[in-house]
Amino acid sequence: MSHAEIDDEQTWVLVAGTGWRNDPLPKPQQLAAEAIGRALAHRGFGLVTCGWYGVDRAVTRAFAGELQALGLPLSRRLKQSCRGPMNLPFLVAT
């Protein structure tokens, strides 16, 4: 399924890590998180994440990079939710 095929009915995937500040991630976790982010973007899914350090941030950055490479707007495909004074890697209108 391509990103164009599910544009009208957005399918969203929630990615949540442990919530622990774990930057940098161990290399295997970093590579897996980046692969997930790229795959979700390439296949047209929307991403919901909390924006925490570690897995959340790695998935989000890879997701955003893939959307940029595809020429697709991040604002329609990323939703972030965070309690407290957290620096979200991407501030996007939802």
C-alpha atoms as a PDB file:
ATOM      1  CA  MET A   1       0.000   0.000   0.000  1.00  0.00           C
ATOM      2  CA  SER A   2       1.455   3.369  -0.957  1.00  0.00           C
ATOM      3  CA  HIS A   3       1.132   6.613   0.945  1.00  0.00           C
ATOM      4  CA  ALA A   4      -1.308   7.944  -1.651  1.00  0.00           C
ATOM      5  CA  GLU A   5      -3.696   5.014  -1.204  1.00  0.00           C
ATOM      6  CA  ILE A   6      -4.530   5.763   2.428  1.00  0.00           C
ATOM      7  CA  ASP A   7      -4.414   9.553   2.287  1.00  0.00           C
ATOM      8  CA  ASP A   8      -8.193  10.013   2.588  1.00  0.00           C
ATOM      9  CA  GLU A   9      -8.610   7.619   5.500  1.00  0.00           C
ATOM     10  CA  GLN A  10      -5.508   8.187   7.596  1.00  0.00           C
ATOM     11  CA  THR A  11      -4.352   5.165   9.564  1.00  0.00           C
ATOM     12  CA  TRP A  12      -2.438   6.095  12.698  1.00  0.00           C
ATOM     13  CA  VAL A  13       0.176   4.147  14.647  1.00  0.00           C
ATOM     14  CA  LEU A  14       1.092   4.990  18.243  1.00  0.00           C
ATOM     15  CA  VAL A  15       4.743   4.509  19.165  1.00  0.00           C
ATOM     16  CA  ALA A  16       5.619   4.765  22.846  1.00  0.00           C
ATOM     17  CA  GLY A  17       8.906   4.054  24.563  1.00  0.00           C
ATOM     18  CA  THR A  18       9.570   3.608  28.262  1.00  0.00           C
ATOM     19  CA  GLY A  19       9.544   7.309  29.059  1.00  0.00           C
ATOM     20  CA  TRP A  20      13.034   7.128  30.510  1.00  0.00           C
ATOM     21  CA  ARG A  21      15.628   9.596  29.331  1.00  0.00           C
ATOM     22  CA  ASN A  22      17.835   7.244  27.387  1.00  0.00           C
ATOM     23  CA  ASP A  23      19.829   9.334  24.918  1.00  0.00           C
ATOM     24  CA  PRO A  24      21.663   8.042  23.134  1.00  0.00           C
ATOM     25  CA  LEU A  25      19.853   4.777  22.621  1.00  0.00           C
ATOM     26  CA  PRO A  26      21.875   1.588  22.325  1.00  0.00           C
ATOM     27  CA  LYS A  27      22.755   1.157  18.625  1.00  0.00           C
ATOM     28  CA  PRO A  28      20.383  -1.813  17.960  1.00  0.00           C
ATOM     29  CA  GLN A  29      17.429   0.097  19.456  1.00  0.00           C
ATOM     30  CA  GLN A  30      18.352   3.249  17.542  1.00  0.00           C
ATOM     31  CA  LEU A  31      18.501   1.383  14.220  1.00  0.00           C
ATOM     32  CA  ALA A  32      15.206  -0.413  14.895  1.00  0.00           C
ATOM     33  CA  ALA A  33      13.432   2.822  15.877  1.00  0.00           C
ATOM     34  CA  GLU A  34      14.701   4.603  12.766  1.00  0.00           C
ATOM     35  CA  ALA A  35      13.617   1.716  10.528  1.00  0.00           C
ATOM     36  CA  ILE A  36      10.131   1.822  12.055  1.00  0.00           C
ATOM     37  CA  GLY A  37       9.850   5.582  11.535  1.00  0.00           C
ATOM     38  CA  ARG A  38      10.929   5.383   7.897  1.00  0.00           C
ATOM     39  CA  ALA A  39       8.651   2.411   7.173  1.00  0.00           C
ATOM     40  CA  LEU A  40       5.592   4.092   8.699  1.00  0.00           C
ATOM     41  CA  ALA A  41       6.152   7.255   6.677  1.00  0.00           C
ATOM     42  CA  HIS A  42       6.908   5.412   3.449  1.00  0.00           C
ATOM     43  CA  ARG A  43       3.779   3.281   3.758  1.00  0.00           C
ATOM     44  CA  GLY A  44       1.522   6.270   4.399  1.00  0.00           C
ATOM     45  CA  PHE A  45       0.715   5.874   8.073  1.00  0.00           C
ATOM     46  CA  GLY A  46       0.298   8.734  10.499  1.00  0.00           C
ATOM     47  CA  LEU A  47       2.442   8.723  13.634  1.00  0.00           C
ATOM     48  CA  VAL A  48       1.282   9.456  17.166  1.00  0.00           C
ATOM     49  CA  THR A  49       4.077   9.829  19.689  1.00  0.00           C
ATOM     50  CA  CYS A  50       4.663  11.373  23.075  1.00  0.00           C
ATOM     51  CA  GLY A  51       7.875  13.104  22.062  1.00  0.00           C
ATOM     52  CA  TRP A  52       9.997  11.709  24.870  1.00  0.00           C
ATOM     53  CA  TYR A  53      13.677  10.959  24.554  1.00  0.00           C
ATOM     54  CA  GLY A  54      14.908   7.636  23.243  1.00  0.00           C
ATOM     55  CA  VAL A  55      12.604   5.563  21.052  1.00  0.00           C
ATOM     56  CA  ASP A  56       9.905   8.234  20.644  1.00  0.00           C
ATOM     57  CA  ARG A  57      12.395  10.807  19.433  1.00  0.00           C
ATOM     58  CA  ALA A  58      14.300   8.404  17.147  1.00  0.00           C
ATOM     59  CA  VAL A  59      11.108   7.169  15.459  1.00  0.00           C
ATOM     60  CA  THR A  60       9.803  10.722  15.044  1.00  0.00           C
ATOM     61  CA  ARG A  61      13.005  12.055  13.502  1.00  0.00           C
ATOM     62  CA  ALA A  62      13.256   9.173  11.031  1.00  0.00           C
ATOM     63  CA  PHE A  63       9.544   9.516  10.213  1.00  0.00           C
ATOM     64  CA  ALA A  64       9.938  13.247   9.530  1.00  0.00           C
ATOM     65  CA  GLY A  65      13.039  12.699   7.415  1.00  0.00           C
ATOM     66  CA  GLU A  66      11.284  10.123   5.254  1.00  0.00           C
ATOM     67  CA  LEU A  67       8.244  12.365   4.762  1.00  0.00           C
ATOM     68  CA  GLN A  68      10.539  15.191   3.725  1.00  0.00           C
ATOM     69  CA  ALA A  69      12.258  12.896   1.212  1.00  0.00           C
ATOM     70  CA  LEU A  70       8.826  11.956  -0.163  1.00  0.00           C
ATOM     71  CA  GLY A  71       7.765  15.616  -0.358  1.00  0.00           C
ATOM     72  CA  LEU A  72       4.859  15.074   2.045  1.00  0.00           C
ATOM     73  CA  PRO A  73       3.713  17.508   4.762  1.00  0.00           C
ATOM     74  CA  LEU A  74       4.607  16.532   8.312  1.00  0.00           C
ATOM     75  CA  SER A  75       1.753  18.565   9.792  1.00  0.00           C
ATOM     76  CA  ARG A  76      -0.898  16.167   8.442  1.00  0.00           C
ATOM     77  CA  ARG A  77       0.855  12.984   9.539  1.00  0.00           C
ATOM     78  CA  LEU A  78       2.368  13.610  12.978  1.00  0.00           C
ATOM     79  CA  LYS A  79       0.560  14.070  16.279  1.00  0.00           C
ATOM     80  CA  GLN A  80       2.525  14.561  19.477  1.00  0.00           C
ATOM     81  CA  SER A  81       1.201  14.629  23.004  1.00  0.00           C
ATOM     82  CA  CYS A  82       3.242  15.357  26.088  1.00  0.00           C
ATOM     83  CA  ARG A  83       2.469  16.210  29.689  1.00  0.00           C
ATOM     84  CA  GLY A  84       4.703  18.638  31.472  1.00  0.00           C
ATOM     85  CA  PRO A  85       7.525  20.871  30.270  1.00  0.00           C
ATOM     86  CA  MET A  86       8.960  18.613  27.594  1.00  0.00           C
ATOM     87  CA  ASN A  87      10.784  19.841  24.509  1.00  0.00           C
ATOM     88  CA  LEU A  88       9.017  18.185  21.615  1.00  0.00           C
ATOM     89  CA  PRO A  89      11.338  17.558  18.687  1.00  0.00           C
ATOM     90  CA  PHE A  90       8.664  18.785  16.289  1.00  0.00           C
ATOM     91  CA  LEU A  91       5.967  21.324  17.009  1.00  0.00           C
ATOM     92  CA  VAL A  92       3.304  20.743  14.397  1.00  0.00           C
ATOM     93  CA  ALA A  93      -0.274  21.935  14.083  1.00  0.00           C
ATOM     94  CA  THR A  94      -2.635  18.985  14.367  1.00  0.00           C
END
